[in-house]
Amino acid sequence: MGSKFKMRGSDETWYEVLGLRENSTPQDIVRAYRRKAKETHPDKAGGCKETFQKLSEAYEILSNRGKREAYHNTLRARRYEDREGQELFY
């Protein structure tokens, strides 16, 4: 599946996949996952296998305290790198 902490070919974060903010509680994560899983499950009419897999991967990372912390560190590093690459004008 590739790196669990970097979404392949997308700038979208795992939080955005679930429709959440980064400061969401574990309960928020569970609720958002269950709601979206019902909507996107491939066995349901209109469901999509790829979308459901992406959703499941997001939930796997964000619902695990250690993986979520590592993911936050990855996001911070990526944002820092993005800022370092930009010229600042004063």
Protein backbone atom coordinates (compact mmCIF):
# COMPACT_ATOMS: atom_id res chain seq x y z
CA MET A 1 0.00 0.00 0.00
CA GLY A 2 2.95 2.35 0.08
CA SER A 3 3.76 4.75 2.86
CA LYS A 4 1.03 4.95 5.45
CA PHE A 5 1.94 8.52 6.25
CA LYS A 6 1.91 9.98 2.77
CA MET A 7 -1.09 9.79 0.52
CA ARG A 8 -0.01 8.76 -2.94
CA GLY A 9 -0.59 11.42 -5.59
CA SER A 10 -2.59 13.71 -3.35
CA ASP A 11 -2.11 16.74 -1.14
CA GLU A 12 -5.23 15.74 0.78
CA THR A 13 -4.59 14.77 4.40
CA TRP A 14 -6.11 11.79 6.18
CA TYR A 15 -8.14 14.29 8.22
CA GLU A 16 -9.63 15.73 5.05
CA VAL A 17 -10.53 12.23 3.86
CA LEU A 18 -12.64 11.85 7.01
CA GLY A 19 -13.88 15.46 6.89
CA LEU A 20 -12.17 16.36 10.17
CA ARG A 21 -9.83 18.94 11.66
CA GLU A 22 -6.43 17.96 13.04
CA ASN A 23 -7.56 18.60 16.61
CA SER A 24 -10.43 16.11 16.37
CA THR A 25 -10.98 13.76 19.29
CA PRO A 26 -10.79 9.97 19.00
CA GLN A 27 -14.59 9.92 19.28
CA ASP A 28 -14.86 12.37 16.36
CA ILE A 29 -12.68 10.07 14.28
CA VAL A 30 -14.83 7.02 15.01
CA ARG A 31 -18.06 8.87 14.24
CA ALA A 32 -16.73 10.34 11.00
CA TYR A 33 -15.39 6.97 9.86
CA ARG A 34 -18.63 5.13 10.56
CA ARG A 35 -20.71 7.79 8.82
CA LYS A 36 -18.51 7.85 5.72
CA ALA A 37 -18.09 4.05 5.68
CA LYS A 38 -21.85 3.66 5.42
CA GLU A 39 -21.89 6.04 2.47
CA THR A 40 -18.94 4.60 0.56
CA HIS A 41 -19.00 0.86 1.30
CA PRO A 42 -18.61 -1.03 -1.99
CA ASP A 43 -21.52 -3.37 -1.16
CA LYS A 44 -23.92 -0.41 -1.03
CA ALA A 45 -25.48 1.16 -4.08
CA GLY A 46 -23.24 4.04 -5.13
CA GLY A 47 -20.34 2.78 -3.03
CA CYS A 48 -16.79 2.91 -4.32
CA LYS A 49 -14.04 0.41 -3.49
CA GLU A 50 -11.19 2.92 -3.93
CA THR A 51 -12.86 5.58 -1.79
CA PHE A 52 -13.67 3.03 0.91
CA GLN A 53 -10.06 1.78 0.95
CA LYS A 54 -8.77 5.34 1.29
CA LEU A 55 -11.23 5.96 4.12
CA SER A 56 -10.18 2.75 5.87
CA GLU A 57 -6.51 3.67 5.60
CA ALA A 58 -7.21 7.09 7.09
CA TYR A 59 -9.09 5.49 9.97
CA GLU A 60 -6.32 2.95 10.57
CA ILE A 61 -3.78 5.74 11.04
CA LEU A 62 -5.88 8.29 12.91
CA SER A 63 -7.52 5.83 15.31
CA ASN A 64 -4.16 4.49 16.53
CA ARG A 65 -2.47 6.86 18.97
CA GLY A 66 1.10 5.99 17.94
CA LYS A 67 0.39 6.09 14.21
CA ARG A 68 -1.51 9.35 14.59
CA GLU A 69 1.42 10.94 16.42
CA ALA A 70 3.86 9.76 13.73
CA TYR A 71 1.50 11.11 11.07
CA HIS A 72 1.38 14.51 12.83
CA ASN A 73 5.18 14.59 12.82
CA THR A 74 5.16 13.83 9.10
CA LEU A 75 2.65 16.63 8.44
CA ARG A 76 4.73 19.10 10.46
CA ALA A 77 7.89 18.14 8.58
CA ARG A 78 6.15 18.45 5.21
CA ARG A 79 4.80 21.89 6.12
CA TYR A 80 8.24 23.00 7.32
CA GLU A 81 9.81 21.81 4.05
CA ASP A 82 7.14 23.64 2.07
CA ARG A 83 7.91 26.87 3.93
CA GLU A 84 11.65 26.45 3.55
CA GLY A 85 11.25 26.22 -0.22
CA GLN A 86 9.40 29.54 -0.46
CA GLU A 87 11.07 32.92 -0.65
CA LEU A 88 9.80 35.39 1.90
CA PHE A 89 9.39 39.02 0.95
CA TYR A 90 9.22 41.75 3.55
